[in-house]
C-alpha cells in the first residue's frame, strides 16, 4: 500500500532538513528548501542577539560563518507538536544541540538543550520556515559560544 505524506509529515521532515543544514554543513542548496526568502530569527536565549528579520541570502552567510568554527555539530529535534491552520503552521519541538570545537585542552563541547517554536508557511515549493525561535533551558560550556561570530 502506498502512503502519501501529510502536512504534519512534511513539517517534521522540514525540521530534519533544518538540522541537516548545520550538521552536514550544507549551506548552498539546503537553506532554500527550509526557509522563506525572508526569515525572522530569535536566538536571544542562547547567544544574546536580539530577534532579527533577514533575507535568506544574508542568513546563508551567517549560517556558514556561525558553524565554521565547529568540527562537528549534532541537532536532535524530537517531540514535534504541529498545529496547522490552512497554509500556516507552528511547530514546537524539543532540541538537544551539541557543538564540538577543535580544542587541545579543556572542554570542547557546547551543549544546548531547549525548545524550538517555529512558524512555517506553505509555498508553491512546499512548507518553509518563516520564523525560528530557540528557547534554551540548559547549556553546558556556554562560554564556547564565543567561537560563534557576533553580528
N, C-alpha and C. Protein backbone atom coordinates (compact mmCIF):
# COMPACT_ATOMS: atom_id res chain seq x y z
N UNK A 1 0.84 -1.17 0.00
CA UNK A 1 0.00 0.00 0.00
C UNK A 1 0.89 1.24 0.00
N UNK A 2 0.61 2.16 -0.89
CA UNK A 2 1.34 3.42 -0.95
C UNK A 2 0.76 4.40 0.05
N UNK A 3 1.62 5.13 0.67
CA UNK A 3 1.14 6.17 1.58
C UNK A 3 1.62 7.51 1.06
N UNK A 4 0.85 8.52 1.33
CA UNK A 4 1.26 9.87 0.95
C UNK A 4 1.61 10.64 2.20
N UNK A 5 2.49 11.61 2.02
CA UNK A 5 2.89 12.43 3.16
C UNK A 5 1.77 13.39 3.51
N UNK A 6 1.55 13.53 4.79
CA UNK A 6 0.60 14.52 5.27
C UNK A 6 1.36 15.83 5.51
N UNK A 7 0.61 16.90 5.72
CA UNK A 7 1.26 18.17 6.07
C UNK A 7 2.15 18.00 7.30
N UNK A 8 1.65 17.26 8.29
CA UNK A 8 2.44 17.05 9.50
C UNK A 8 3.76 16.35 9.17
N UNK A 9 3.69 15.30 8.34
CA UNK A 9 4.91 14.60 7.92
C UNK A 9 5.90 15.57 7.26
N UNK A 10 5.39 16.42 6.40
CA UNK A 10 6.24 17.36 5.69
C UNK A 10 6.87 18.37 6.65
N UNK A 11 6.13 18.80 7.65
CA UNK A 11 6.66 19.77 8.62
C UNK A 11 7.71 19.13 9.53
N UNK A 12 7.51 17.89 9.92
CA UNK A 12 8.52 17.18 10.72
C UNK A 12 9.78 16.99 9.87
N UNK A 13 9.61 16.63 8.61
CA UNK A 13 10.75 16.48 7.71
C UNK A 13 11.47 17.82 7.52
N UNK A 14 10.71 18.90 7.45
CA UNK A 14 11.30 20.23 7.33
C UNK A 14 12.24 20.50 8.50
N UNK A 15 11.84 20.12 9.69
CA UNK A 15 12.70 20.32 10.86
C UNK A 15 13.97 19.46 10.76
N UNK A 16 13.85 18.28 10.16
CA UNK A 16 15.03 17.45 9.92
C UNK A 16 16.00 18.11 8.95
N UNK A 17 15.45 18.69 7.87
CA UNK A 17 16.30 19.42 6.92
C UNK A 17 16.96 20.62 7.59
N UNK A 18 16.20 21.29 8.48
CA UNK A 18 16.75 22.42 9.24
C UNK A 18 17.99 21.98 10.01
N UNK A 19 17.92 20.86 10.71
CA UNK A 19 19.07 20.36 11.46
C UNK A 19 20.21 19.97 10.53
N UNK A 20 19.89 19.42 9.38
CA UNK A 20 20.92 18.99 8.43
C UNK A 20 21.77 20.15 7.91
N UNK A 21 21.21 21.35 7.83
CA UNK A 21 21.99 22.48 7.33
C UNK A 21 23.29 22.60 8.13
N UNK A 22 23.18 22.63 9.45
CA UNK A 22 24.37 22.76 10.30
C UNK A 22 25.14 21.45 10.38
N UNK A 23 24.44 20.36 10.60
CA UNK A 23 25.12 19.09 10.86
C UNK A 23 25.84 18.54 9.64
N UNK A 24 25.33 18.83 8.44
CA UNK A 24 26.00 18.42 7.21
C UNK A 24 26.85 19.54 6.62
N UNK A 25 26.79 20.73 7.25
CA UNK A 25 27.46 21.93 6.73
C UNK A 25 27.09 22.14 5.26
N UNK A 26 25.80 22.07 4.99
CA UNK A 26 25.31 22.23 3.63
C UNK A 26 24.62 23.59 3.53
N UNK A 27 25.42 24.59 3.18
CA UNK A 27 24.93 25.98 3.18
C UNK A 27 24.62 26.48 1.76
N UNK A 28 24.63 25.60 0.78
CA UNK A 28 24.42 26.03 -0.60
C UNK A 28 22.97 25.88 -1.02
N UNK A 29 22.50 24.65 -1.15
CA UNK A 29 21.15 24.40 -1.67
C UNK A 29 20.11 24.15 -0.58
N UNK A 30 20.51 23.53 0.51
CA UNK A 30 19.56 23.13 1.55
C UNK A 30 18.79 24.29 2.17
N UNK A 31 19.41 25.43 2.49
CA UNK A 31 18.64 26.50 3.12
C UNK A 31 17.41 26.95 2.32
N UNK A 32 17.48 26.94 1.01
CA UNK A 32 16.34 27.36 0.19
C UNK A 32 15.18 26.37 0.28
N UNK A 33 15.46 25.14 0.70
CA UNK A 33 14.38 24.16 0.87
C UNK A 33 13.85 24.16 2.29
N UNK A 34 14.38 25.07 3.14
CA UNK A 34 13.97 25.13 4.54
C UNK A 34 13.31 26.46 4.89
N UNK A 35 13.84 27.56 4.36
CA UNK A 35 13.41 28.89 4.78
C UNK A 35 12.68 29.66 3.67
N UNK A 36 11.85 30.61 4.11
CA UNK A 36 11.25 31.56 3.18
C UNK A 36 12.34 32.56 2.77
N UNK A 37 12.04 33.40 1.78
CA UNK A 37 13.02 34.37 1.28
C UNK A 37 13.44 35.38 2.33
N UNK A 38 12.57 35.63 3.29
CA UNK A 38 12.88 36.47 4.45
C UNK A 38 12.52 35.65 5.67
N UNK A 39 13.40 35.62 6.66
CA UNK A 39 13.16 34.78 7.83
C UNK A 39 13.44 35.59 9.10
N UNK A 40 12.58 35.36 10.11
CA UNK A 40 12.76 36.00 11.41
C UNK A 40 13.41 34.99 12.34
N UNK A 41 14.46 35.42 13.04
CA UNK A 41 15.26 34.54 13.89
C UNK A 41 15.34 35.09 15.30
N UNK A 42 15.15 34.21 16.27
CA UNK A 42 15.28 34.61 17.67
C UNK A 42 16.11 33.56 18.40
N UNK A 43 17.40 33.85 18.53
CA UNK A 43 18.32 33.01 19.29
C UNK A 43 18.80 33.75 20.53
N UNK A 44 18.00 34.71 20.99
CA UNK A 44 18.41 35.57 22.09
C UNK A 44 18.68 34.78 23.38
N UNK A 45 18.02 33.66 23.59
CA UNK A 45 18.25 32.90 24.82
C UNK A 45 19.57 32.14 24.79
N UNK A 46 20.21 32.09 23.63
CA UNK A 46 21.46 31.35 23.51
C UNK A 46 22.65 32.28 23.37
N UNK A 47 22.62 33.14 22.37
CA UNK A 47 23.78 33.99 22.10
C UNK A 47 23.53 35.46 22.41
N UNK A 48 22.34 35.78 22.90
CA UNK A 48 22.08 37.13 23.36
C UNK A 48 21.79 38.16 22.28
N UNK A 49 21.75 37.75 21.03
CA UNK A 49 21.43 38.69 19.97
C UNK A 49 19.92 38.96 19.96
N UNK A 50 19.51 40.16 19.61
CA UNK A 50 18.07 40.43 19.55
C UNK A 50 17.42 39.71 18.36
N UNK A 51 16.11 39.51 18.45
CA UNK A 51 15.37 38.94 17.32
C UNK A 51 15.62 39.81 16.09
N UNK A 52 15.77 39.17 14.93
CA UNK A 52 16.02 39.91 13.70
C UNK A 52 15.32 39.25 12.52
N UNK A 53 15.01 40.06 11.53
CA UNK A 53 14.46 39.56 10.28
C UNK A 53 15.48 39.86 9.19
N UNK A 54 15.87 38.81 8.46
CA UNK A 54 16.92 38.94 7.45
C UNK A 54 16.49 38.24 6.16
N UNK A 55 17.15 38.60 5.08
CA UNK A 55 16.92 37.91 3.81
C UNK A 55 17.59 36.54 3.89
N UNK A 56 17.08 35.60 3.12
CA UNK A 56 17.66 34.26 3.12
C UNK A 56 19.12 34.33 2.65
N UNK A 57 19.40 35.15 1.65
CA UNK A 57 20.77 35.27 1.15
C UNK A 57 21.71 35.72 2.26
N UNK A 58 21.30 36.72 3.05
CA UNK A 58 22.14 37.17 4.16
C UNK A 58 22.27 36.09 5.23
N UNK A 59 21.18 35.39 5.51
CA UNK A 59 21.21 34.37 6.55
C UNK A 59 22.12 33.20 6.17
N UNK A 60 22.17 32.86 4.90
CA UNK A 60 23.06 31.77 4.47
C UNK A 60 24.50 32.10 4.83
N UNK A 61 24.90 33.35 4.62
CA UNK A 61 26.25 33.77 5.02
C UNK A 61 26.47 33.68 6.51
N UNK A 62 25.46 34.08 7.28
CA UNK A 62 25.54 33.99 8.74
C UNK A 62 25.65 32.54 9.19
N UNK A 63 24.86 31.65 8.58
CA UNK A 63 24.92 30.23 8.93
C UNK A 63 26.32 29.66 8.70
N UNK A 64 26.87 29.92 7.53
CA UNK A 64 28.19 29.38 7.21
C UNK A 64 29.23 29.90 8.20
N UNK A 65 29.19 31.18 8.53
CA UNK A 65 30.15 31.75 9.48
C UNK A 65 29.93 31.21 10.89
N UNK A 66 28.67 31.04 11.28
CA UNK A 66 28.35 30.57 12.61
C UNK A 66 28.89 29.16 12.87
N UNK A 67 28.75 28.29 11.89
CA UNK A 67 29.13 26.89 12.11
C UNK A 67 30.55 26.56 11.66
N UNK A 68 31.25 27.51 11.05
CA UNK A 68 32.62 27.28 10.59
C UNK A 68 33.58 26.84 11.71
N UNK A 69 33.50 27.42 12.92
CA UNK A 69 34.47 27.04 13.96
C UNK A 69 34.31 25.60 14.47
N UNK A 70 33.18 24.99 14.24
CA UNK A 70 32.90 23.68 14.85
C UNK A 70 33.34 22.53 13.94
N UNK A 71 34.04 21.57 14.56
CA UNK A 71 34.42 20.36 13.81
C UNK A 71 33.19 19.55 13.45
N UNK A 72 32.24 19.52 14.36
CA UNK A 72 31.01 18.76 14.14
C UNK A 72 29.90 19.35 15.01
N UNK A 73 28.68 19.16 14.56
CA UNK A 73 27.51 19.50 15.36
C UNK A 73 26.49 18.37 15.21
N UNK A 74 25.62 18.28 16.19
CA UNK A 74 24.53 17.30 16.11
C UNK A 74 23.30 17.90 16.77
N UNK A 75 22.24 18.07 15.98
CA UNK A 75 20.98 18.62 16.48
C UNK A 75 19.93 17.51 16.46
N UNK A 76 19.53 17.05 17.62
CA UNK A 76 18.46 16.06 17.74
C UNK A 76 17.18 16.83 18.05
N UNK A 77 16.25 16.81 17.11
CA UNK A 77 14.99 17.55 17.25
C UNK A 77 13.86 16.53 17.31
N UNK A 78 13.14 16.52 18.43
CA UNK A 78 12.15 15.46 18.67
C UNK A 78 10.87 16.04 19.27
N UNK A 79 9.90 15.15 19.46
CA UNK A 79 8.67 15.52 20.17
C UNK A 79 7.88 16.62 19.49
N UNK A 80 7.81 16.57 18.18
CA UNK A 80 7.15 17.62 17.40
C UNK A 80 5.66 17.73 17.73
N UNK A 81 5.24 18.94 18.04
CA UNK A 81 3.82 19.26 18.21
C UNK A 81 3.49 20.25 17.09
N UNK A 82 2.68 19.81 16.16
CA UNK A 82 2.40 20.58 14.95
C UNK A 82 0.95 21.06 14.98
N UNK A 83 0.76 22.34 14.71
CA UNK A 83 -0.58 22.92 14.62
C UNK A 83 -0.70 23.60 13.26
N UNK A 84 -1.61 23.09 12.43
CA UNK A 84 -1.77 23.59 11.07
C UNK A 84 -3.08 24.34 10.96
N UNK A 85 -3.00 25.52 10.35
CA UNK A 85 -4.19 26.35 10.11
C UNK A 85 -4.12 26.82 8.66
N UNK A 86 -4.68 26.03 7.76
CA UNK A 86 -4.64 26.36 6.34
C UNK A 86 -3.22 26.30 5.80
N UNK A 87 -2.71 27.45 5.37
CA UNK A 87 -1.37 27.50 4.79
C UNK A 87 -0.30 28.02 5.76
N UNK A 88 -0.63 28.02 7.04
CA UNK A 88 0.35 28.38 8.07
C UNK A 88 0.39 27.28 9.12
N UNK A 89 1.51 27.20 9.80
CA UNK A 89 1.65 26.16 10.82
C UNK A 89 2.65 26.63 11.88
N UNK A 90 2.51 26.05 13.06
CA UNK A 90 3.51 26.22 14.11
C UNK A 90 4.06 24.84 14.44
N UNK A 91 5.34 24.80 14.77
CA UNK A 91 5.98 23.55 15.15
C UNK A 91 6.75 23.80 16.45
N UNK A 92 6.32 23.13 17.50
CA UNK A 92 7.02 23.16 18.78
C UNK A 92 7.77 21.83 18.87
N UNK A 93 9.06 21.90 19.18
CA UNK A 93 9.85 20.67 19.24
C UNK A 93 10.96 20.82 20.28
N UNK A 94 11.36 19.70 20.85
CA UNK A 94 12.48 19.64 21.78
C UNK A 94 13.77 19.57 20.98
N UNK A 95 14.84 20.17 21.49
CA UNK A 95 16.13 20.09 20.81
C UNK A 95 17.25 19.84 21.81
N UNK A 96 18.18 19.03 21.38
CA UNK A 96 19.45 18.83 22.08
C UNK A 96 20.51 19.06 21.00
N UNK A 97 21.24 20.16 21.12
CA UNK A 97 22.22 20.53 20.11
C UNK A 97 23.61 20.50 20.72
N UNK A 98 24.49 19.72 20.10
CA UNK A 98 25.86 19.60 20.57
C UNK A 98 26.78 20.16 19.49
N UNK A 99 27.78 20.90 19.93
CA UNK A 99 28.70 21.60 19.03
C UNK A 99 30.11 21.33 19.53
N UNK A 100 30.97 20.71 18.69
CA UNK A 100 32.32 20.36 19.10
C UNK A 100 33.34 21.26 18.43
N UNK A 101 34.19 21.86 19.26
CA UNK A 101 35.29 22.70 18.79
C UNK A 101 36.60 21.92 18.79
N UNK A 102 37.51 22.25 17.90
CA UNK A 102 38.83 21.61 17.94
C UNK A 102 39.70 22.28 19.00
N UNK A 103 39.57 21.81 20.24
CA UNK A 103 40.28 22.40 21.38
C UNK A 103 41.27 21.37 21.92
N UNK A 104 42.51 21.82 22.14
CA UNK A 104 43.55 20.91 22.62
C UNK A 104 43.35 20.53 24.08
N UNK A 105 42.91 21.50 24.89
CA UNK A 105 42.73 21.24 26.32
C UNK A 105 41.38 21.78 26.76
N UNK A 106 40.88 21.21 27.83
CA UNK A 106 39.63 21.71 28.40
C UNK A 106 38.41 21.22 27.63
N UNK A 107 37.25 21.76 27.97
CA UNK A 107 36.02 21.31 27.33
C UNK A 107 36.01 21.70 25.86
N UNK A 108 35.48 20.82 25.05
CA UNK A 108 35.40 21.10 23.62
C UNK A 108 33.98 21.03 23.09
N UNK A 109 33.00 20.79 23.99
CA UNK A 109 31.63 20.61 23.53
C UNK A 109 30.72 21.62 24.20
N UNK A 110 29.98 22.34 23.38
CA UNK A 110 28.94 23.27 23.84
C UNK A 110 27.61 22.56 23.62
N UNK A 111 26.88 22.37 24.69
CA UNK A 111 25.58 21.70 24.65
C UNK A 111 24.48 22.72 24.90
N UNK A 112 23.45 22.66 24.07
CA UNK A 112 22.27 23.49 24.26
C UNK A 112 21.06 22.56 24.27
N UNK A 113 20.24 22.66 25.30
CA UNK A 113 19.01 21.89 25.40
C UNK A 113 17.86 22.87 25.53
N UNK A 114 16.80 22.63 24.78
CA UNK A 114 15.66 23.55 24.86
C UNK A 114 14.56 23.19 23.89
N UNK A 115 13.92 24.24 23.39
CA UNK A 115 12.75 24.08 22.54
C UNK A 115 12.82 25.00 21.33
N UNK A 116 12.32 24.51 20.23
CA UNK A 116 12.06 25.37 19.07
C UNK A 116 10.58 25.67 19.03
N UNK A 117 10.23 26.90 18.75
CA UNK A 117 8.86 27.30 18.46
C UNK A 117 8.93 28.06 17.14
N UNK A 118 8.64 27.34 16.06
CA UNK A 118 8.84 27.86 14.72
C UNK A 118 7.51 28.05 13.99
N UNK A 119 7.50 29.02 13.09
CA UNK A 119 6.35 29.26 12.21
C UNK A 119 6.73 28.82 10.81
N UNK A 120 5.78 28.23 10.12
CA UNK A 120 6.00 27.79 8.74
C UNK A 120 4.84 28.24 7.87
N UNK A 121 5.13 28.40 6.60
CA UNK A 121 4.10 28.76 5.63
C UNK A 121 4.21 27.79 4.45
N UNK A 122 3.04 27.52 3.87
CA UNK A 122 3.01 26.67 2.68
C UNK A 122 3.34 27.56 1.47
N UNK A 123 4.30 27.14 0.67
CA UNK A 123 4.67 27.85 -0.54
C UNK A 123 4.40 26.94 -1.74
N UNK A 124 4.51 27.46 -2.95
CA UNK A 124 4.36 26.58 -4.12
C UNK A 124 5.38 25.44 -4.13
N UNK A 125 6.52 25.62 -3.43
CA UNK A 125 7.56 24.59 -3.38
C UNK A 125 7.50 23.74 -2.12
N UNK A 126 6.46 23.91 -1.30
CA UNK A 126 6.32 23.13 -0.07
C UNK A 126 6.42 24.03 1.15
N UNK A 127 6.38 23.41 2.32
CA UNK A 127 6.45 24.14 3.58
C UNK A 127 7.84 24.75 3.76
N UNK A 128 7.88 25.99 4.30
CA UNK A 128 9.13 26.67 4.59
C UNK A 128 9.00 27.37 5.94
N UNK A 129 10.11 27.45 6.67
CA UNK A 129 10.12 28.16 7.95
C UNK A 129 10.21 29.66 7.69
N UNK A 130 9.32 30.41 8.32
CA UNK A 130 9.34 31.87 8.21
C UNK A 130 9.85 32.52 9.51
N UNK A 131 9.82 31.74 10.58
CA UNK A 131 10.29 32.25 11.88
C UNK A 131 10.85 31.08 12.68
N UNK A 132 12.02 31.29 13.27
CA UNK A 132 12.67 30.28 14.12
C UNK A 132 12.96 30.94 15.46
N UNK A 133 12.49 30.31 16.52
CA UNK A 133 12.79 30.79 17.87
C UNK A 133 13.29 29.62 18.71
N UNK A 134 14.48 29.78 19.24
CA UNK A 134 15.07 28.78 20.12
C UNK A 134 15.04 29.30 21.54
N UNK A 135 14.48 28.51 22.44
CA UNK A 135 14.49 28.84 23.87
C UNK A 135 15.37 27.81 24.56
N UNK A 136 16.53 28.26 25.00
CA UNK A 136 17.45 27.37 25.71
C UNK A 136 17.02 27.29 27.17
N UNK A 137 16.91 26.06 27.68
CA UNK A 137 16.59 25.88 29.10
C UNK A 137 17.80 25.37 29.88
N UNK A 138 18.84 24.92 29.15
CA UNK A 138 20.06 24.45 29.80
C UNK A 138 21.20 24.54 28.78
N UNK A 139 22.36 24.95 29.30
CA UNK A 139 23.56 24.95 28.47
C UNK A 139 24.73 24.44 29.31
N UNK A 140 25.64 23.75 28.65
CA UNK A 140 26.90 23.35 29.27
C UNK A 140 28.01 23.96 28.43
N UNK A 141 29.00 24.50 29.12
CA UNK A 141 30.14 25.14 28.45
C UNK A 141 29.69 26.26 27.53
N UNK A 142 28.75 27.06 28.00
CA UNK A 142 28.21 28.14 27.18
C UNK A 142 29.29 29.15 26.77
N UNK A 143 30.38 29.20 27.52
CA UNK A 143 31.46 30.11 27.13
C UNK A 143 32.05 29.76 25.77
N UNK A 144 31.86 28.52 25.32
CA UNK A 144 32.35 28.12 24.00
C UNK A 144 31.57 28.78 22.86
N UNK A 145 30.41 29.34 23.19
CA UNK A 145 29.64 30.08 22.18
C UNK A 145 30.42 31.29 21.70
N UNK A 146 31.44 31.70 22.43
CA UNK A 146 32.26 32.83 21.98
C UNK A 146 32.94 32.55 20.66
N UNK A 147 33.01 31.27 20.27
CA UNK A 147 33.59 30.93 18.97
C UNK A 147 32.68 31.35 17.83
N UNK A 148 31.40 31.58 18.14
CA UNK A 148 30.42 31.98 17.12
C UNK A 148 30.58 33.47 16.85
N UNK A 149 30.80 33.84 15.58
CA UNK A 149 30.92 35.27 15.26
C UNK A 149 29.64 36.02 15.65
N UNK A 150 29.78 37.20 16.23
CA UNK A 150 28.63 38.02 16.63
C UNK A 150 28.46 39.16 15.63
N UNK A 151 27.20 39.31 15.15
CA UNK A 151 26.92 40.45 14.29
C UNK A 151 27.15 40.26 12.86
